[in-house]
Each structure stands twice: as structure tokens, then as C-alpha cells.
PDB file of N, CA and C in Angstrom:
ATOM      1  N   LEU A   1      25.548   1.905 -15.664  1.00  0.00           N
ATOM      2  CA  LEU A   1      25.257   3.157 -15.009  1.00  0.00           C
ATOM      3  C   LEU A   1      26.582   3.760 -14.557  1.00  0.00           C
ATOM      4  N   VAL A   2      26.803   5.004 -14.890  1.00  0.00           N
ATOM      5  CA  VAL A   2      28.008   5.713 -14.458  1.00  0.00           C
ATOM      6  C   VAL A   2      27.576   6.771 -13.462  1.00  0.00           C
ATOM      7  N   SER A   3      28.260   6.838 -12.342  1.00  0.00           N
ATOM      8  CA  SER A   3      27.915   7.805 -11.311  1.00  0.00           C
ATOM      9  C   SER A   3      29.175   8.286 -10.607  1.00  0.00           C
ATOM     10  N   THR A   4      29.031   9.362  -9.868  1.00  0.00           N
ATOM     11  CA  THR A   4      30.161   9.854  -9.081  1.00  0.00           C
ATOM     12  C   THR A   4      30.456   8.884  -7.953  1.00  0.00           C
ATOM     13  N   PHE A   5      31.700   8.898  -7.502  1.00  0.00           N
ATOM     14  CA  PHE A   5      32.120   7.977  -6.452  1.00  0.00           C
ATOM     15  C   PHE A   5      33.265   8.626  -5.695  1.00  0.00           C
ATOM     16  N   PRO A   6      33.344   8.436  -4.383  1.00  0.00           N
ATOM     17  CA  PRO A   6      34.433   9.058  -3.608  1.00  0.00           C
ATOM     18  C   PRO A   6      35.800   8.596  -4.101  1.00  0.00           C
ATOM     19  N   VAL A   7      36.694   9.537  -4.342  1.00  0.00           N
ATOM     20  CA  VAL A   7      38.035   9.187  -4.822  1.00  0.00           C
ATOM     21  C   VAL A   7      38.873   8.521  -3.745  1.00  0.00           C
ATOM     22  N   THR A   8      38.447   8.611  -2.492  1.00  0.00           N
ATOM     23  CA  THR A   8      39.203   8.016  -1.387  1.00  0.00           C
ATOM     24  C   THR A   8      38.846   6.553  -1.136  1.00  0.00           C
ATOM     25  N   PHE A   9      37.863   6.032  -1.870  1.00  0.00           N
ATOM     26  CA  PHE A   9      37.433   4.647  -1.674  1.00  0.00           C
ATOM     27  C   PHE A   9      38.546   3.706  -2.114  1.00  0.00           C
ATOM     28  N   ASN A  10      38.890   2.755  -1.258  1.00  0.00           N
ATOM     29  CA  ASN A  10      39.939   1.788  -1.557  1.00  0.00           C
ATOM     30  C   ASN A  10      39.301   0.407  -1.647  1.00  0.00           C
ATOM     31  N   ALA A  11      39.137  -0.079  -2.847  1.00  0.00           N
ATOM     32  CA  ALA A  11      38.467  -1.364  -3.048  1.00  0.00           C
ATOM     33  C   ALA A  11      39.471  -2.506  -3.092  1.00  0.00           C
ATOM     34  N   ALA A  12      38.964  -3.732  -3.066  1.00  0.00           N
ATOM     35  CA  ALA A  12      39.812  -4.917  -2.931  1.00  0.00           C
ATOM     36  C   ALA A  12      40.348  -5.452  -4.254  1.00  0.00           C
ATOM     37  N   GLU A  13      39.660  -5.202  -5.360  1.00  0.00           N
ATOM     38  CA  GLU A  13      40.120  -5.770  -6.628  1.00  0.00           C
ATOM     39  C   GLU A  13      41.415  -5.119  -7.065  1.00  0.00           C
ATOM     40  N   GLN A  14      42.175  -5.835  -7.857  1.00  0.00           N
ATOM     41  CA  GLN A  14      43.454  -5.359  -8.356  1.00  0.00           C
ATOM     42  C   GLN A  14      43.487  -5.575  -9.871  1.00  0.00           C
ATOM     43  N   PRO A  15      44.403  -4.910 -10.573  1.00  0.00           N
ATOM     44  CA  PRO A  15      44.551  -5.177 -12.003  1.00  0.00           C
ATOM     45  C   PRO A  15      44.836  -6.660 -12.220  1.00  0.00           C
ATOM     46  N   SER A  16      44.369  -7.197 -13.348  1.00  0.00           N
ATOM     47  CA  SER A  16      44.564  -8.628 -13.591  1.00  0.00           C
ATOM     48  C   SER A  16      46.002  -8.960 -13.969  1.00  0.00           C
ATOM     49  N   TYR A  17      46.759  -7.971 -14.459  1.00  0.00           N
ATOM     50  CA  TYR A  17      48.146  -8.226 -14.828  1.00  0.00           C
ATOM     51  C   TYR A  17      48.969  -6.973 -14.557  1.00  0.00           C
ATOM     52  N   ARG A  18      50.139  -7.142 -13.981  1.00  0.00           N
ATOM     53  CA  ARG A  18      51.021  -6.030 -13.621  1.00  0.00           C
ATOM     54  C   ARG A  18      52.458  -6.407 -13.959  1.00  0.00           C
ATOM     55  N   VAL A  19      53.216  -5.461 -14.526  1.00  0.00           N
ATOM     56  CA  VAL A  19      54.610  -5.727 -14.870  1.00  0.00           C
ATOM     57  C   VAL A  19      55.428  -4.451 -14.654  1.00  0.00           C
ATOM     58  N   ASP A  20      56.659  -4.639 -14.182  1.00  0.00           N
ATOM     59  CA  ASP A  20      57.567  -3.508 -13.987  1.00  0.00           C
ATOM     60  C   ASP A  20      58.396  -3.367 -15.261  1.00  0.00           C
ATOM     61  N   VAL A  21      58.192  -2.265 -15.979  1.00  0.00           N
ATOM     62  CA  VAL A  21      58.914  -2.018 -17.230  1.00  0.00           C
ATOM     63  C   VAL A  21      60.124  -1.143 -16.908  1.00  0.00           C
ATOM     64  N   PRO A  22      61.344  -1.650 -17.112  1.00  0.00           N
ATOM     65  CA  PRO A  22      62.553  -0.869 -16.806  1.00  0.00           C
ATOM     66  C   PRO A  22      62.533   0.472 -17.539  1.00  0.00           C
ATOM     67  N   GLY A  23      62.737   1.528 -16.778  1.00  0.00           N
ATOM     68  CA  GLY A  23      62.760   2.867 -17.335  1.00  0.00           C
ATOM     69  C   GLY A  23      61.386   3.480 -17.535  1.00  0.00           C
ATOM     70  N   ASP A  24      60.343   2.686 -17.403  1.00  0.00           N
ATOM     71  CA  ASP A  24      58.988   3.195 -17.629  1.00  0.00           C
ATOM     72  C   ASP A  24      58.119   3.048 -16.391  1.00  0.00           C
ATOM     73  N   GLY A  25      58.564   2.283 -15.416  1.00  0.00           N
ATOM     74  CA  GLY A  25      57.790   2.092 -14.189  1.00  0.00           C
ATOM     75  C   GLY A  25      56.808   0.942 -14.288  1.00  0.00           C
ATOM     76  N   MET A  26      55.844   0.940 -13.399  1.00  0.00           N
ATOM     77  CA  MET A  26      54.860  -0.131 -13.324  1.00  0.00           C
ATOM     78  C   MET A  26      53.766   0.073 -14.365  1.00  0.00           C
ATOM     79  N   ARG A  27      53.459  -0.976 -15.113  1.00  0.00           N
ATOM     80  CA  ARG A  27      52.369  -0.964 -16.087  1.00  0.00           C
ATOM     81  C   ARG A  27      51.382  -2.041 -15.688  1.00  0.00           C
ATOM     82  N   ALA A  28      50.090  -1.784 -15.893  1.00  0.00           N
ATOM     83  CA  ALA A  28      49.089  -2.758 -15.476  1.00  0.00           C
ATOM     84  C   ALA A  28      47.838  -2.645 -16.332  1.00  0.00           C
ATOM     85  N   THR A  29      47.052  -3.715 -16.307  1.00  0.00           N
ATOM     86  CA  THR A  29      45.740  -3.657 -16.956  1.00  0.00           C
ATOM     87  C   THR A  29      44.837  -2.751 -16.125  1.00  0.00           C
ATOM     88  N   ILE A  30      43.683  -2.480 -16.630  1.00  0.00           N
ATOM     89  CA  ILE A  30      42.742  -1.607 -15.926  1.00  0.00           C
ATOM     90  C   ILE A  30      42.331  -2.246 -14.604  1.00  0.00           C
ATOM     91  N   ASP A  31      42.356  -1.458 -13.555  1.00  0.00           N
ATOM     92  CA  ASP A  31      41.888  -1.890 -12.237  1.00  0.00           C
ATOM     93  C   ASP A  31      40.373  -1.682 -12.220  1.00  0.00           C
ATOM     94  N   PRO A  32      39.586  -2.759 -12.119  1.00  0.00           N
ATOM     95  CA  PRO A  32      38.130  -2.623 -12.233  1.00  0.00           C
ATOM     96  C   PRO A  32      37.472  -1.767 -11.150  1.00  0.00           C
ATOM     97  N   ASP A  33      38.138  -1.534 -10.055  1.00  0.00           N
ATOM     98  CA  ASP A  33      37.521  -0.683  -9.028  1.00  0.00           C
ATOM     99  C   ASP A  33      38.467   0.436  -8.589  1.00  0.00           C
ATOM    100  N   ASP A  34      39.117   1.037  -9.579  1.00  0.00           N
ATOM    101  CA  ASP A  34      39.976   2.198  -9.338  1.00  0.00           C
ATOM    102  C   ASP A  34      39.113   3.445  -9.537  1.00  0.00           C
ATOM    103  N   PHE A  35      38.816   4.151  -8.471  1.00  0.00           N
ATOM    104  CA  PHE A  35      37.878   5.270  -8.526  1.00  0.00           C
ATOM    105  C   PHE A  35      38.577   6.625  -8.429  1.00  0.00           C
ATOM    106  N   ARG A  36      39.872   6.676  -8.763  1.00  0.00           N
ATOM    107  CA  ARG A  36      40.607   7.944  -8.656  1.00  0.00           C
ATOM    108  C   ARG A  36      40.030   9.037  -9.551  1.00  0.00           C
ATOM    109  N   SER A  37      39.287   8.671 -10.587  1.00  0.00           N
ATOM    110  CA  SER A  37      38.688   9.667 -11.477  1.00  0.00           C
ATOM    111  C   SER A  37      37.472  10.325 -10.846  1.00  0.00           C
ATOM    112  N   GLY A  38      36.948   9.720  -9.781  1.00  0.00           N
ATOM    113  CA  GLY A  38      35.748  10.252  -9.148  1.00  0.00           C
ATOM    114  C   GLY A  38      34.470   9.671  -9.734  1.00  0.00           C
ATOM    115  N   PHE A  39      34.616   8.665 -10.604  1.00  0.00           N
ATOM    116  CA  PHE A  39      33.456   8.026 -11.221  1.00  0.00           C
ATOM    117  C   PHE A  39      33.568   6.515 -11.098  1.00  0.00           C
ATOM    118  N   GLY A  40      32.436   5.842 -11.078  1.00  0.00           N
ATOM    119  CA  GLY A  40      32.388   4.391 -11.071  1.00  0.00           C
ATOM    120  C   GLY A  40      31.341   3.941 -12.067  1.00  0.00           C
ATOM    121  N   ALA A  41      31.486   2.759 -12.605  1.00  0.00           N
ATOM    122  CA  ALA A  41      30.517   2.201 -13.552  1.00  0.00           C
ATOM    123  C   ALA A  41      30.025   0.863 -13.011  1.00  0.00           C
ATOM    124  N   TRP A  42      28.727   0.676 -13.040  1.00  0.00           N
ATOM    125  CA  TRP A  42      28.117  -0.557 -12.562  1.00  0.00           C
ATOM    126  C   TRP A  42      27.043  -0.997 -13.536  1.00  0.00           C
ATOM    127  N   SER A  43      26.668  -2.259 -13.420  1.00  0.00           N
ATOM    128  CA  SER A  43      25.566  -2.780 -14.219  1.00  0.00           C
ATOM    129  C   SER A  43      24.846  -3.836 -13.397  1.00  0.00           C
ATOM    130  N   GLY A  44      23.729  -4.279 -13.899  1.00  0.00           N
ATOM    131  CA  GLY A  44      22.959  -5.316 -13.221  1.00  0.00           C
ATOM    132  C   GLY A  44      21.584  -4.814 -12.809  1.00  0.00           C
ATOM    133  N   THR A  45      20.782  -5.741 -12.322  1.00  0.00           N
ATOM    134  CA  THR A  45      19.398  -5.409 -11.992  1.00  0.00           C
ATOM    135  C   THR A  45      19.284  -4.428 -10.836  1.00  0.00           C
ATOM    136  N   SER A  46      20.234  -4.460  -9.906  1.00  0.00           N
ATOM    137  CA  SER A  46      20.131  -3.537  -8.772  1.00  0.00           C
ATOM    138  C   SER A  46      20.316  -2.089  -9.209  1.00  0.00           C
ATOM    139  N   PHE A  47      20.940  -1.869 -10.357  1.00  0.00           N
ATOM    140  CA  PHE A  47      21.087  -0.521 -10.892  1.00  0.00           C
ATOM    141  C   PHE A  47      20.032  -0.234 -11.948  1.00  0.00           C
ATOM    142  N   ALA A  48      19.582  -1.248 -12.664  1.00  0.00           N
ATOM    143  CA  ALA A  48      18.576  -1.049 -13.703  1.00  0.00           C
ATOM    144  C   ALA A  48      17.205  -0.749 -13.114  1.00  0.00           C
ATOM    145  N   ALA A  49      16.873  -1.376 -11.995  1.00  0.00           N
ATOM    146  CA  ALA A  49      15.541  -1.209 -11.407  1.00  0.00           C
ATOM    147  C   ALA A  49      15.222   0.248 -11.051  1.00  0.00           C
ATOM    148  N   PRO A  50      16.114   0.983 -10.370  1.00  0.00           N
ATOM    149  CA  PRO A  50      15.777   2.374 -10.072  1.00  0.00           C
ATOM    150  C   PRO A  50      15.724   3.263 -11.314  1.00  0.00           C
ATOM    151  N   VAL A  51      16.544   2.953 -12.322  1.00  0.00           N
ATOM    152  CA  VAL A  51      16.512   3.738 -13.556  1.00  0.00           C
ATOM    153  C   VAL A  51      15.174   3.523 -14.265  1.00  0.00           C
ATOM    154  N   LEU A  52      14.743   2.273 -14.369  1.00  0.00           N
ATOM    155  CA  LEU A  52      13.445   1.973 -14.986  1.00  0.00           C
ATOM    156  C   LEU A  52      12.310   2.571 -14.171  1.00  0.00           C
ATOM    157  N   SER A  53      12.371   2.467 -12.857  1.00  0.00           N
ATOM    158  CA  SER A  53      11.321   3.035 -12.003  1.00  0.00           C
ATOM    159  C   SER A  53      11.175   4.533 -12.236  1.00  0.00           C
ATOM    160  N   GLY A  54      12.296   5.217 -12.355  1.00  0.00           N
ATOM    161  CA  GLY A  54      12.258   6.656 -12.610  1.00  0.00           C
ATOM    162  C   GLY A  54      11.645   6.974 -13.963  1.00  0.00           C
ATOM    163  N   ALA A  55      11.989   6.185 -14.975  1.00  0.00           N
ATOM    164  CA  ALA A  55      11.425   6.405 -16.310  1.00  0.00           C
ATOM    165  C   ALA A  55       9.922   6.150 -16.319  1.00  0.00           C
ATOM    166  N   LEU A  56       9.483   5.094 -15.632  1.00  0.00           N
ATOM    167  CA  LEU A  56       8.050   4.803 -15.548  1.00  0.00           C
ATOM    168  C   LEU A  56       7.317   5.905 -14.792  1.00  0.00           C
ATOM    169  N   ALA A  57       7.897   6.368 -13.689  1.00  0.00           N
ATOM    170  CA  ALA A  57       7.281   7.444 -12.908  1.00  0.00           C
ATOM    171  C   ALA A  57       7.159   8.717 -13.735  1.00  0.00           C
ATOM    172  N   GLN A  58       8.195   9.033 -14.506  1.00  0.00           N
ATOM    173  CA  GLN A  58       8.154  10.229 -15.340  1.00  0.00           C
ATOM    174  C   GLN A  58       7.031  10.129 -16.365  1.00  0.00           C
ATOM    175  N   CYS A  59       6.861   8.963 -16.953  1.00  0.00           N
ATOM    176  CA  CYS A  59       5.789   8.743 -17.919  1.00  0.00           C
ATOM    177  C   CYS A  59       4.423   8.877 -17.249  1.00  0.00           C
ATOM    178  N   LEU A  60       4.285   8.275 -16.066  1.00  0.00           N
ATOM    179  CA  LEU A  60       3.005   8.299 -15.357  1.00  0.00           C
ATOM    180  C   LEU A  60       2.639   9.696 -14.873  1.00  0.00           C
ATOM    181  N   VAL A  61       3.577  10.376 -14.262  1.00  0.00           N
ATOM    182  CA  VAL A  61       3.298  11.704 -13.711  1.00  0.00           C
ATOM    183  C   VAL A  61       3.198  12.747 -14.809  1.00  0.00           C
ATOM    184  N   GLY A  62       3.964  12.560 -15.873  1.00  0.00           N
ATOM    185  CA  GLY A  62       3.950  13.523 -16.972  1.00  0.00           C
ATOM    186  C   GLY A  62       2.664  13.507 -17.771  1.00  0.00           C
ATOM    187  N   GLY A  63       1.852  12.490 -17.590  1.00  0.00           N
ATOM    188  CA  GLY A  63       0.571  12.421 -18.285  1.00  0.00           C
ATOM    189  C   GLY A  63       0.635  11.811 -19.671  1.00  0.00           C
ATOM    190  N   SER A  64       1.825  11.434 -20.144  1.00  0.00           N
ATOM    191  CA  SER A  64       1.922  10.871 -21.488  1.00  0.00           C
ATOM    192  C   SER A  64       1.413   9.431 -21.560  1.00  0.00           C
ATOM    193  N   CYS A  65       1.115   8.836 -20.418  1.00  0.00           N
ATOM    194  CA  CYS A  65       0.618   7.457 -20.383  1.00  0.00           C
ATOM    195  C   CYS A  65      -0.881   7.401 -20.093  1.00  0.00           C
ATOM    196  N   GLY A  66      -1.503   8.559 -20.033  1.00  0.00           N
ATOM    197  CA  GLY A  66      -2.941   8.618 -19.762  1.00  0.00           C
ATOM    198  C   GLY A  66      -3.243   9.701 -18.742  1.00  0.00           C
ATOM    199  N   SER A  67      -4.482  10.099 -18.713  1.00  0.00           N
ATOM    200  CA  SER A  67      -4.921  11.172 -17.819  1.00  0.00           C
ATOM    201  C   SER A  67      -4.844  10.745 -16.356  1.00  0.00           C
ATOM    202  N   LEU A  68      -4.418  11.674 -15.521  1.00  0.00           N
ATOM    203  CA  LEU A  68      -4.355  11.418 -14.080  1.00  0.00           C
ATOM    204  C   LEU A  68      -5.655  11.801 -13.390  1.00  0.00           C
ATOM    205  N   ASP A  69      -6.671  12.222 -14.159  1.00  0.00           N
ATOM    206  CA  ASP A  69      -7.951  12.620 -13.574  1.00  0.00           C
ATOM    207  C   ASP A  69      -8.680  11.439 -12.933  1.00  0.00           C
ATOM    208  N   ALA A  70      -8.620  10.295 -13.578  1.00  0.00           N
ATOM    209  CA  ALA A  70      -9.302   9.102 -13.057  1.00  0.00           C
ATOM    210  C   ALA A  70      -8.334   8.310 -12.180  1.00  0.00           C
ATOM    211  N   ILE A  71      -8.772   7.937 -10.983  1.00  0.00           N
ATOM    212  CA  ILE A  71      -7.910   7.177 -10.082  1.00  0.00           C
ATOM    213  C   ILE A  71      -8.469   5.796  -9.770  1.00  0.00           C
ATOM    214  N   ASP A  72      -9.439   5.356 -10.580  1.00  0.00           N
ATOM    215  CA  ASP A  72     -10.011   4.030 -10.359  1.00  0.00           C
ATOM    216  C   ASP A  72      -9.014   2.953 -10.780  1.00  0.00           C
ATOM    217  N   PRO A  73      -9.191   1.724 -10.308  1.00  0.00           N
ATOM    218  CA  PRO A  73      -8.231   0.645 -10.586  1.00  0.00           C
ATOM    219  C   PRO A  73      -8.011   0.377 -12.073  1.00  0.00           C
ATOM    220  N   VAL A  74      -9.079   0.409 -12.867  1.00  0.00           N
ATOM    221  CA  VAL A  74      -8.936   0.103 -14.296  1.00  0.00           C
ATOM    222  C   VAL A  74      -8.091   1.173 -14.997  1.00  0.00           C
ATOM    223  N   SER A  75      -8.359   2.438 -14.715  1.00  0.00           N
ATOM    224  CA  SER A  75      -7.586   3.527 -15.317  1.00  0.00           C
ATOM    225  C   SER A  75      -6.131   3.471 -14.865  1.00  0.00           C
ATOM    226  N   SER A  76      -5.912   3.174 -13.596  1.00  0.00           N
ATOM    227  CA  SER A  76      -4.547   3.086 -13.064  1.00  0.00           C
ATOM    228  C   SER A  76      -3.780   1.952 -13.727  1.00  0.00           C
ATOM    229  N   LEU A  77      -4.428   0.812 -13.900  1.00  0.00           N
ATOM    230  CA  LEU A  77      -3.796  -0.339 -14.550  1.00  0.00           C
ATOM    231  C   LEU A  77      -3.483  -0.018 -16.007  1.00  0.00           C
ATOM    232  N   THR A  78      -4.390   0.648 -16.680  1.00  0.00           N
ATOM    233  CA  THR A  78      -4.164   1.030 -18.074  1.00  0.00           C
ATOM    234  C   THR A  78      -2.971   1.963 -18.188  1.00  0.00           C
ATOM    235  N   ARG A  79      -2.880   2.960 -17.290  1.00  0.00           N
ATOM    236  CA  ARG A  79      -1.730   3.866 -17.303  1.00  0.00           C
ATOM    237  C   ARG A  79      -0.424   3.100 -17.065  1.00  0.00           C
ATOM    238  N   GLY A  80      -0.460   2.139 -16.147  1.00  0.00           N
ATOM    239  CA  GLY A  80       0.726   1.328 -15.872  1.00  0.00           C
ATOM    240  C   GLY A  80       1.180   0.548 -17.095  1.00  0.00           C
ATOM    241  N   TRP A  81       0.242  -0.078 -17.784  1.00  0.00           N
ATOM    242  CA  TRP A  81       0.593  -0.815 -19.002  1.00  0.00           C
ATOM    243  C   TRP A  81       1.084   0.138 -20.089  1.00  0.00           C
ATOM    244  N   ASN A  82       0.481   1.317 -20.178  1.00  0.00           N
ATOM    245  CA  ASN A  82       0.939   2.305 -21.164  1.00  0.00           C
ATOM    246  C   ASN A  82       2.385   2.718 -20.883  1.00  0.00           C
ATOM    247  N   ALA A  83       2.722   2.880 -19.610  1.00  0.00           N
ATOM    248  CA  ALA A  83       4.092   3.252 -19.237  1.00  0.00           C
ATOM    249  C   ALA A  83       5.071   2.140 -19.606  1.00  0.00           C
ATOM    250  N   LEU A  84       4.717   0.897 -19.293  1.00  0.00           N
ATOM    251  CA  LEU A  84       5.578  -0.236 -19.648  1.00  0.00           C
ATOM    252  C   LEU A  84       5.750  -0.354 -21.153  1.00  0.00           C
ATOM    253  N   SER A  85       4.658  -0.137 -21.866  1.00  0.00           N
ATOM    254  CA  SER A  85       4.715  -0.208 -23.323  1.00  0.00           C
ATOM    255  C   SER A  85       5.599   0.896 -23.897  1.00  0.00           C
ATOM    256  N   ALA A  86       5.471   2.110 -23.345  1.00  0.00           N
ATOM    257  CA  ALA A  86       6.263   3.239 -23.835  1.00  0.00           C
ATOM    258  C   ALA A  86       7.747   3.053 -23.541  1.00  0.00           C
ATOM    259  N   GLU A  87       8.083   2.535 -22.380  1.00  0.00           N
ATOM    260  CA  GLU A  87       9.489   2.405 -21.995  1.00  0.00           C
ATOM    261  C   GLU A  87      10.153   1.129 -22.479  1.00  0.00           C
ATOM    262  N   LEU A  88       9.401   0.028 -22.489  1.00  0.00           N
ATOM    263  CA  LEU A  88      10.010  -1.274 -22.808  1.00  0.00           C
ATOM    264  C   LEU A  88       9.420  -1.961 -24.030  1.00  0.00           C
ATOM    265  N   GLY A  89       8.343  -1.414 -24.565  1.00  0.00           N
ATOM    266  CA  GLY A  89       7.689  -2.065 -25.676  1.00  0.00           C
ATOM    267  C   GLY A  89       6.887  -3.285 -25.258  1.00  0.00           C
ATOM    268  N   VAL A  90       6.576  -3.396 -23.958  1.00  0.00           N
ATOM    269  CA  VAL A  90       5.804  -4.531 -23.452  1.00  0.00           C
ATOM    270  C   VAL A  90       4.366  -4.399 -23.933  1.00  0.00           C
ATOM    271  N   VAL A  91       3.824  -5.487 -24.440  1.00  0.00           N
ATOM    272  CA  VAL A  91       2.445  -5.487 -24.918  1.00  0.00           C
ATOM    273  C   VAL A  91       1.560  -6.118 -23.860  1.00  0.00           C
ATOM    274  N   ARG A  92       0.453  -5.453 -23.591  1.00  0.00           N
ATOM    275  CA  ARG A  92      -0.491  -5.954 -22.568  1.00  0.00           C
ATOM    276  C   ARG A  92      -1.102  -7.266 -23.052  1.00  0.00           C
ATOM    277  N   PRO A  93      -1.125  -8.271 -22.177  1.00  0.00           N
ATOM    278  CA  PRO A  93      -1.689  -9.576 -22.575  1.00  0.00           C
ATOM    279  C   PRO A  93      -3.191  -9.493 -22.777  1.00  0.00           C
TER     280      PRO A  93
END
């Protein structure tokens, strides 16, 4: 997930390798938490869960996973499985 991030944030990680090149200045590997560009990239379940939740909600509210007219438990469960199937290819047991 790539998102905006404050450019003033000063994180603790450092480049894994740094060398002073005469006449060229300091050269280093990529600093994993250098946010001077105003963007940060993350991965993992804590970032995947809200993205998946949003996709499932869009499917459910958009009506592509079934009619929202019925609000009984069976219809709601069917819509939920339809959303999972549409987004992840999960097959209902």
C-alpha cells in the first residue's frame, strides 16, 4: 500500500550501507523509512484488512453481490459469500 506521509517524519531506520565517495559525497543504499518524497509504502495484514474491507463493502452496497431488498440472515449470508467470492475467489463450503 502506498500512501501520503508527512515529509517531516524522522524514523529510526538507516540505510544498510553508506560510503563517502571522494568528490561525489555520501552514497548510500535506500533508506527504508525515508519519507522526504511525501509517500510511504507498507505491506502486511494491518494494511490489507482495510483495503479488503472496502472492496467487500463496495460489492455489498453496490448491489453486485445480491439484492439489498432482503435483510434476513440467509440473504445477508449469501451476499457476504458472494462478495468474498467476487473479491477473493473464495468458494462457499
